[in-house]
Protein backbone atom coordinates (compact mmCIF):
# COMPACT_ATOMS: atom_id res chain seq x y z
CA UNK A 1 -23.25 -30.35 -9.60
CA UNK A 2 -19.90 -29.51 -8.08
CA UNK A 3 -16.62 -31.22 -7.36
CA UNK A 4 -13.64 -30.18 -5.27
CA UNK A 5 -11.01 -28.72 -7.57
CA UNK A 6 -8.29 -27.25 -5.34
CA UNK A 7 -7.69 -26.24 -1.77
CA UNK A 8 -4.84 -23.68 -1.91
CA UNK A 9 -2.98 -23.28 1.38
CA UNK A 10 -2.19 -19.69 2.35
CA UNK A 11 0.56 -19.42 4.98
CA UNK A 12 1.87 -16.39 6.87
CA UNK A 13 1.00 -14.16 9.83
CA UNK A 14 -2.10 -12.69 8.17
CA UNK A 15 -3.58 -16.19 7.80
CA UNK A 16 -2.85 -17.49 11.30
CA UNK A 17 -6.41 -16.73 12.42
CA UNK A 18 -7.75 -18.96 9.64
CA UNK A 19 -9.17 -15.99 7.77
CA UNK A 20 -8.58 -14.76 4.24
CA UNK A 21 -8.01 -11.03 3.53
CA UNK A 22 -10.44 -9.71 0.92
CA UNK A 23 -7.58 -8.55 -1.32
CA UNK A 24 -6.59 -12.20 -1.86
CA UNK A 25 -9.78 -12.62 -3.93
CA UNK A 26 -8.01 -11.16 -6.96
CA UNK A 27 -5.36 -13.90 -6.67
CA UNK A 28 -8.06 -16.54 -6.79
CA UNK A 29 -9.73 -14.86 -9.77
CA UNK A 30 -6.40 -14.74 -11.59
CA UNK A 31 -5.89 -18.43 -10.82
CA UNK A 32 -9.26 -19.29 -12.38
CA UNK A 33 -8.38 -17.33 -15.52
CA UNK A 34 -4.99 -19.01 -15.75
CA UNK A 35 -6.55 -22.49 -15.49
CA UNK A 36 -8.85 -21.66 -18.41
CA UNK A 37 -6.01 -20.29 -20.57
CA UNK A 38 -3.73 -23.25 -19.89
CA UNK A 39 -6.62 -25.65 -20.58
CA UNK A 40 -7.18 -23.94 -23.95
CA UNK A 41 -3.51 -24.40 -24.80
CA UNK A 42 -3.60 -28.07 -23.80
CA UNK A 43 -6.72 -28.69 -25.88
CA UNK A 44 -5.20 -27.15 -29.01
CA UNK A 45 -1.97 -29.08 -28.48
CA UNK A 46 -4.00 -32.29 -28.26
CA UNK A 47 -6.01 -31.59 -31.42
CA UNK A 48 -3.61 -31.13 -34.29
CA UNK A 49 -4.77 -28.63 -36.87
CA UNK A 50 -7.13 -26.75 -34.57
CA UNK A 51 -6.54 -23.04 -34.03
CA UNK A 52 -9.15 -22.48 -31.35
CA UNK A 53 -11.17 -24.31 -28.74
CA UNK A 54 -14.82 -25.28 -29.32
CA UNK A 55 -17.49 -22.70 -28.69
CA UNK A 56 -18.51 -22.59 -25.04
CA UNK A 57 -15.26 -24.16 -23.85
CA UNK A 58 -14.66 -21.45 -21.21
CA UNK A 59 -18.20 -21.67 -19.87
CA UNK A 60 -17.63 -25.26 -18.84
CA UNK A 61 -15.34 -24.09 -16.05
CA UNK A 62 -16.31 -21.95 -13.06
CA UNK A 63 -14.68 -21.91 -9.63
CA UNK A 64 -16.65 -21.10 -6.49
CA UNK A 65 -15.32 -20.46 -3.01
CA UNK A 66 -17.22 -23.07 -1.01
CA UNK A 67 -15.70 -22.70 2.44
CA UNK A 68 -12.55 -21.78 4.36
CA UNK A 69 -10.77 -24.51 6.27
CA UNK A 70 -8.21 -24.15 9.06
CA UNK A 71 -4.51 -24.90 8.97
CA UNK A 72 -3.51 -21.33 8.19
CA UNK A 73 -6.20 -20.47 5.61
CA UNK A 74 -7.36 -22.98 3.01
CA UNK A 75 -10.24 -21.88 0.77
CA UNK A 76 -11.99 -24.80 -0.89
CA UNK A 77 -12.40 -23.99 -4.58
CA UNK A 78 -15.14 -26.11 -6.11
CA UNK A 79 -15.79 -26.54 -9.80
CA UNK A 80 -19.46 -25.78 -10.36
CA UNK A 81 -21.30 -26.55 -13.59
CA UNK A 82 -23.63 -23.89 -14.92
CA UNK A 83 -27.17 -24.92 -15.77
CA UNK A 84 -27.39 -26.75 -19.08
CA UNK A 85 -23.66 -27.39 -19.37
CA UNK A 86 -21.71 -30.61 -19.05
CA UNK A 87 -20.94 -31.71 -15.51
CA UNK A 88 -17.42 -31.18 -14.13
CA UNK A 89 -15.17 -34.04 -15.16
CA UNK A 90 -17.14 -34.66 -18.37
CA UNK A 91 -16.81 -33.01 -21.75
CA UNK A 92 -13.51 -31.14 -21.79
CA UNK A 93 -13.09 -31.51 -18.04
CA UNK A 94 -9.78 -33.41 -18.20
CA UNK A 95 -8.10 -30.39 -19.81
CA UNK A 96 -8.99 -28.17 -16.86
CA UNK A 97 -7.71 -30.78 -14.42
CA UNK A 98 -4.48 -31.11 -16.43
CA UNK A 99 -4.16 -27.32 -16.41
CA UNK A 100 -4.33 -27.33 -12.61
CA UNK A 101 -1.48 -29.81 -12.44
CA UNK A 102 0.62 -28.03 -15.08
CA UNK A 103 0.35 -24.76 -13.13
CA UNK A 104 1.56 -26.56 -10.01
CA UNK A 105 4.49 -28.01 -11.98
CA UNK A 106 5.35 -24.51 -13.20
CA UNK A 107 5.52 -23.21 -9.62
CA UNK A 108 7.67 -26.18 -8.57
CA UNK A 109 10.06 -25.47 -11.43
CA UNK A 110 10.52 -21.90 -10.24
CA UNK A 111 11.29 -23.16 -6.75
CA UNK A 112 14.01 -25.51 -8.02
CA UNK A 113 15.45 -23.20 -10.72
CA UNK A 114 14.40 -25.72 -13.37
CA UNK A 115 13.15 -25.08 -16.87
CA UNK A 116 9.41 -24.51 -17.21
CA UNK A 117 7.38 -27.64 -17.99
CA UNK A 118 6.92 -28.05 -21.71
CA UNK A 119 3.15 -28.08 -21.31
CA UNK A 120 3.10 -24.56 -19.84
CA UNK A 121 2.99 -21.81 -22.50
CA UNK A 122 5.55 -19.13 -21.75
CA UNK A 123 3.30 -16.24 -22.77
CA UNK A 124 0.91 -17.09 -19.92
CA UNK A 125 3.55 -16.35 -17.29
CA UNK A 126 2.20 -12.79 -17.26
CA UNK A 127 -0.73 -14.09 -15.19
CA UNK A 128 1.66 -14.35 -12.25
CA UNK A 129 1.76 -10.55 -12.26
CA UNK A 130 -1.65 -10.84 -10.60
CA UNK A 131 -1.66 -14.34 -9.17
CA UNK A 132 0.17 -14.04 -5.86
CA UNK A 133 0.66 -10.26 -6.02
CA UNK A 134 -1.15 -9.76 -2.71
CA UNK A 135 1.37 -11.99 -0.91
CA UNK A 136 3.79 -10.26 1.43
CA UNK A 137 7.42 -11.24 1.92
CA UNK A 138 6.62 -13.65 4.76
CA UNK A 139 3.65 -15.29 3.02
CA UNK A 140 3.05 -18.05 0.50
CA UNK A 141 0.32 -20.10 -1.16
CA UNK A 142 0.56 -23.79 -2.02
CA UNK A 143 -1.18 -24.56 -5.33
CA UNK A 144 -0.73 -28.34 -5.25
CA UNK A 145 -3.80 -30.57 -4.91
CA UNK A 146 -4.02 -32.79 -1.87
CA UNK A 147 -3.07 -35.96 -3.78
CA UNK A 148 -0.03 -34.38 -5.42
CA UNK A 149 3.31 -36.01 -4.57
CA UNK A 150 5.01 -32.65 -4.00
CA UNK A 151 4.06 -29.15 -2.88
CA UNK A 152 3.87 -26.20 -5.27
CA UNK A 153 4.54 -23.22 -3.01
CA UNK A 154 4.27 -19.80 -4.60
CA UNK A 155 6.18 -17.04 -2.79
CA UNK A 156 6.76 -13.42 -3.83
CA UNK A 157 10.28 -14.33 -4.98
CA UNK A 158 9.09 -17.30 -7.04
CA UNK A 159 6.32 -15.21 -8.57
CA UNK A 160 8.92 -12.62 -9.58
CA UNK A 161 11.11 -15.34 -11.10
CA UNK A 162 8.22 -16.71 -13.16
CA UNK A 163 7.25 -13.33 -14.62
CA UNK A 164 10.86 -12.38 -15.40
CA UNK A 165 11.29 -15.65 -17.29
CA UNK A 166 9.11 -14.13 -20.01
CA UNK A 167 9.71 -10.36 -19.77
CA UNK A 168 12.06 -7.74 -18.35
CA UNK A 169 9.80 -6.30 -15.66
CA UNK A 170 7.26 -7.55 -13.15
CA UNK A 171 4.47 -6.04 -11.05
CA UNK A 172 4.17 -5.88 -7.29
CA UNK A 173 2.44 -3.83 -4.63
CA UNK A 174 4.13 -0.51 -3.99
CA UNK A 175 3.91 2.29 -1.43
CA UNK A 176 5.81 5.53 -1.95
CA UNK A 177 5.60 8.98 -0.36
CA UNK A 178 6.76 12.37 -1.54
CA UNK A 179 5.68 15.66 -3.09
CA UNK A 180 3.63 16.13 -6.25
CA UNK A 181 5.69 18.61 -8.24
CA UNK A 182 4.09 18.25 -11.68
CA UNK A 183 0.70 17.15 -13.06
CA UNK A 184 -0.28 16.25 -16.63
CA UNK A 185 -4.02 16.78 -16.51
CA UNK A 186 -4.53 15.56 -20.10
CA UNK A 187 -2.80 12.23 -19.42
CA UNK A 188 -4.07 12.08 -15.82
CA UNK A 189 -0.61 11.44 -14.40
CA UNK A 190 1.52 13.19 -11.81
CA UNK A 191 5.19 13.22 -10.96
CA UNK A 192 5.95 12.24 -7.37
CA UNK A 193 9.29 13.47 -6.01
CA UNK A 194 10.50 11.02 -3.39
CA UNK A 195 12.55 11.76 -0.28
CA UNK A 196 15.80 10.72 -1.97
CA UNK A 197 15.22 13.21 -4.80
CA UNK A 198 14.25 10.64 -7.40
CA UNK A 199 10.92 10.88 -9.20
CA UNK A 200 8.29 8.46 -10.41
CA UNK A 201 5.33 8.98 -12.73
CA UNK A 202 1.98 7.68 -11.49
CA UNK A 203 -1.53 7.71 -12.98
CA UNK A 204 -4.57 8.93 -11.09
CA UNK A 205 -8.28 8.34 -11.54
CA UNK A 206 -11.05 10.97 -11.58
CA UNK A 207 -11.87 9.85 -8.02
CA UNK A 208 -8.43 11.08 -6.90
CA UNK A 209 -8.40 14.33 -8.88
CA UNK A 210 -9.49 16.48 -5.91
CA UNK A 211 -6.64 15.17 -3.76
CA UNK A 212 -4.13 15.73 -6.56
CA UNK A 213 -5.30 19.34 -6.95
CA UNK A 214 -4.97 19.92 -3.20
CA UNK A 215 -1.41 18.59 -3.09
CA UNK A 216 0.06 19.57 -6.45
CA UNK A 217 2.89 22.07 -6.06
CA UNK A 218 2.42 22.45 -2.30
CA UNK A 219 5.87 21.91 -0.83
CA UNK A 220 4.63 21.18 2.70
CA UNK A 221 2.02 18.59 1.67
CA UNK A 222 3.20 15.00 1.54
CA UNK A 223 1.41 12.41 -0.56
CA UNK A 224 1.43 8.69 0.19
CA UNK A 225 0.64 6.51 -2.79
CA UNK A 226 -0.32 2.85 -2.68
CA UNK A 227 -0.75 0.92 -5.87
CA UNK A 228 0.98 -1.34 -8.38
CA UNK A 229 4.58 -0.70 -9.41
CA UNK A 230 6.58 -1.92 -12.40
CA UNK A 231 9.97 -3.24 -11.22
CA UNK A 232 13.00 -4.54 -13.10
CA UNK A 233 15.03 -7.62 -12.20
CA UNK A 234 17.09 -5.53 -9.75
CA UNK A 235 13.90 -4.44 -7.95
CA UNK A 236 14.27 -0.85 -9.15
CA UNK A 237 10.91 0.89 -9.53
CA UNK A 238 10.41 1.92 -13.16
CA UNK A 239 6.94 3.44 -12.91
CA UNK A 240 3.60 3.10 -11.18
CA UNK A 241 1.08 1.33 -13.40
CA UNK A 242 -1.94 1.79 -11.14
CA UNK A 243 -2.72 4.09 -8.21
CA UNK A 244 -5.16 2.40 -5.86
CA UNK A 245 -5.08 4.81 -2.91
CA UNK A 246 -3.82 8.34 -2.25
CA UNK A 247 -3.48 9.99 1.13
CA UNK A 248 -2.28 13.54 1.74
CA UNK A 249 -0.67 14.94 4.88
CA UNK A 250 -0.77 18.72 5.15
CA UNK A 251 2.23 20.39 6.82
CA UNK A 252 3.85 16.97 7.01
CA UNK A 253 7.11 17.95 8.75
CA UNK A 254 5.12 19.49 11.60
CA UNK A 255 2.85 16.46 11.74
CA UNK A 256 5.88 14.18 12.22
CA UNK A 257 6.97 16.19 15.26
CA UNK A 258 3.57 15.79 16.89
CA UNK A 259 3.52 12.06 16.14
CA UNK A 260 6.76 11.78 18.11
CA UNK A 261 5.24 13.68 21.04
CA UNK A 262 2.28 11.30 21.11
CA UNK A 263 4.62 8.43 22.01
CA UNK A 264 6.13 10.14 25.07
CA UNK A 265 5.30 8.62 28.47
CA UNK A 266 5.43 10.02 32.01
CA UNK A 267 9.00 10.21 33.29
CA UNK A 268 10.38 11.08 29.85
CA UNK A 269 12.97 13.50 31.31
CA UNK A 270 15.37 11.52 33.52
CA UNK A 271 12.52 9.94 35.43
CA UNK A 272 10.49 13.10 35.73
CA UNK A 273 8.52 15.03 33.19
CA UNK A 274 4.79 14.73 32.69
CA UNK A 275 3.31 13.51 29.41
CA UNK A 276 0.34 15.56 28.17
CA UNK A 277 -3.04 13.97 27.69
CA UNK A 278 -3.44 12.52 24.22
CA UNK A 279 -6.61 14.53 23.65
CA UNK A 280 -4.69 17.78 24.30
CA UNK A 281 -1.85 17.06 21.87
CA UNK A 282 -4.30 15.84 19.22
CA UNK A 283 -6.33 19.04 19.60
CA UNK A 284 -3.25 21.26 19.21
CA UNK A 285 -1.85 19.25 16.32
CA UNK A 286 -5.15 19.39 14.42
CA UNK A 287 -5.46 23.15 14.95
CA UNK A 288 -1.92 23.83 13.74
CA UNK A 289 -1.93 21.42 10.79
CA UNK A 290 -5.07 22.83 9.22
CA UNK A 291 -4.15 26.48 9.71
CA UNK A 292 -0.35 26.86 9.68
CA UNK A 293 0.61 29.58 7.15
CA UNK A 294 3.05 28.97 4.31
CA UNK A 295 5.10 32.13 4.98
CA UNK A 296 6.35 31.08 8.43
CA UNK A 297 8.91 28.31 8.97
CA UNK A 298 7.89 25.34 11.07
CA UNK A 299 8.86 25.62 14.74
CA UNK A 300 10.90 23.15 16.73
CA UNK A 301 8.35 21.33 18.91
CA UNK A 302 8.92 19.71 22.29
CA UNK A 303 7.26 19.06 25.64
CA UNK A 304 7.60 21.08 28.81
CA UNK A 305 8.33 19.24 32.10
CA UNK A 306 4.82 19.94 33.40
CA UNK A 307 3.05 18.39 30.42
CA UNK A 308 2.65 21.34 28.08
CA UNK A 309 3.91 21.90 24.54
CA UNK A 310 6.66 24.37 23.59
CA UNK A 311 7.12 25.77 20.08
CA UNK A 312 10.29 27.66 19.19
CA UNK A 313 11.51 29.52 16.09
CA UNK A 314 14.96 30.92 15.43
CA UNK A 315 14.31 33.88 13.14
CA UNK A 316 17.55 35.71 12.50
CA UNK A 317 18.53 37.49 15.69
CA UNK A 318 15.19 36.67 17.30
CA UNK A 319 14.20 33.56 19.22
CA UNK A 320 10.43 33.32 19.28
CA UNK A 321 8.55 30.84 21.46
CA UNK A 322 4.99 29.84 22.16
CA UNK A 323 4.23 27.77 25.26
CA UNK A 324 0.86 26.04 25.68
CA UNK A 325 0.47 24.92 29.34
CA UNK A 326 -2.06 22.09 29.11
CA UNK A 327 -4.78 21.58 30.04
CA UNK A 328 -5.29 25.35 29.63
CA UNK A 329 -6.21 26.46 26.12
CA UNK A 330 -3.94 29.51 26.09
CA UNK A 331 -0.55 30.48 24.76
CA UNK A 332 2.37 32.35 26.36
CA UNK A 333 4.33 34.13 23.62
CA UNK A 334 7.85 35.49 23.91
CA UNK A 335 10.37 36.99 21.49
CA UNK A 336 13.97 37.65 22.51
CA UNK A 337 16.62 39.49 20.48
CA UNK A 338 19.90 37.63 21.01
CA UNK A 339 21.92 40.75 20.07
CA UNK A 340 20.22 43.38 22.22
CA UNK A 341 18.49 41.30 24.88
CA UNK A 342 15.17 42.97 24.10
CA UNK A 343 12.23 40.76 25.12
CA UNK A 344 8.58 40.99 24.12
CA UNK A 345 5.93 39.00 25.99
CA UNK A 346 2.30 38.47 25.13
CA UNK A 347 -0.43 36.03 26.12
CA UNK A 348 -3.27 34.78 23.95
CA UNK A 349 -6.29 32.56 24.50
CA UNK A 350 -6.62 29.65 22.08
CA UNK A 351 -10.34 29.33 21.57
CA UNK A 352 -10.79 29.70 17.83
CA UNK A 353 -9.11 30.22 14.46
CA UNK A 354 -8.67 33.94 15.08
CA UNK A 355 -6.61 33.20 18.20
CA UNK A 356 -4.26 30.94 16.25
CA UNK A 357 -4.01 33.61 13.55
CA UNK A 358 -2.85 36.03 16.26
CA UNK A 359 -0.09 33.60 17.28
CA UNK A 360 1.08 33.39 13.68
CA UNK A 361 0.96 37.19 13.40
CA UNK A 362 3.19 37.47 16.46
CA UNK A 363 5.82 35.14 14.92
CA UNK A 364 5.50 36.85 11.54
CA UNK A 365 6.64 40.17 13.06
CA UNK A 366 10.13 38.69 13.44
CA UNK A 367 10.47 36.75 10.20
């Protein structure tokens, strides 16, 4: 048997198509756990002298996602009885229903800066570190049942307020990028140096060890981390408690220059200037990013008026350039001494790795 328990209302741009992102499932799982824990507390409060709930109490409650209704995204959570157990609403059912309403009251209190309801145990506020963590700044979820006289809208700010009512830090999704400058292999953590010079310690799993080894200590490799961060009341990141995804970008500063070129359109130079074909710039970028040597500085990169790519280095008294006139796969090299006027010209095909190595060797002569 099953009965309708709650139909939370998710609101925000991601829910406008009446769909529910998979990552929201952890919010719903955390909600189910919180209902059980609050119900336990209510049962013990109602039975003076008891220290624990009866055996099998938790098994009486199980939420199932029955369907997804429109109006943003509203998953119907039904209370389903396992075989051989009491039907929903019987046995200790009222305590689970009371728990649902107490949780809604708790969220309302956070919205109105009121004290927490007396029936809600303060130590369970930690569940809001997970419940609602997938919500973005422009999103919310209403945890009030349909018959409730008032809404119970949980937002990222209200979630933060609830957690900080019981402790000094709270958890939220985090994305940071920087360089891995130190690894503790025994503790499976690394230190990520961010663009502003600050650092943060983050853990990594065995699944990410290969990526960490590739990036550790490599100054030109940028790492983007997505995971769970520990923040204080001022929203200052204290540490990363979980790393869920790592992505590395080799020769990142050069990659950024090519990303900018990819956005250029025809007429980029005062109404004239041809934009190269995307396939050509992607080909060149891929070749350079996987092979660019560490002993040569990155060039300044720009487009030529006829749709080619121009690379230029200033190496002391020498200005070295490499022009690739797309769609041709070749390179026109030139080095000019600004003191003497001496000029050296060469031309190379760009068919394979050896040809790119020859381009690097040409620039290296003037480093």
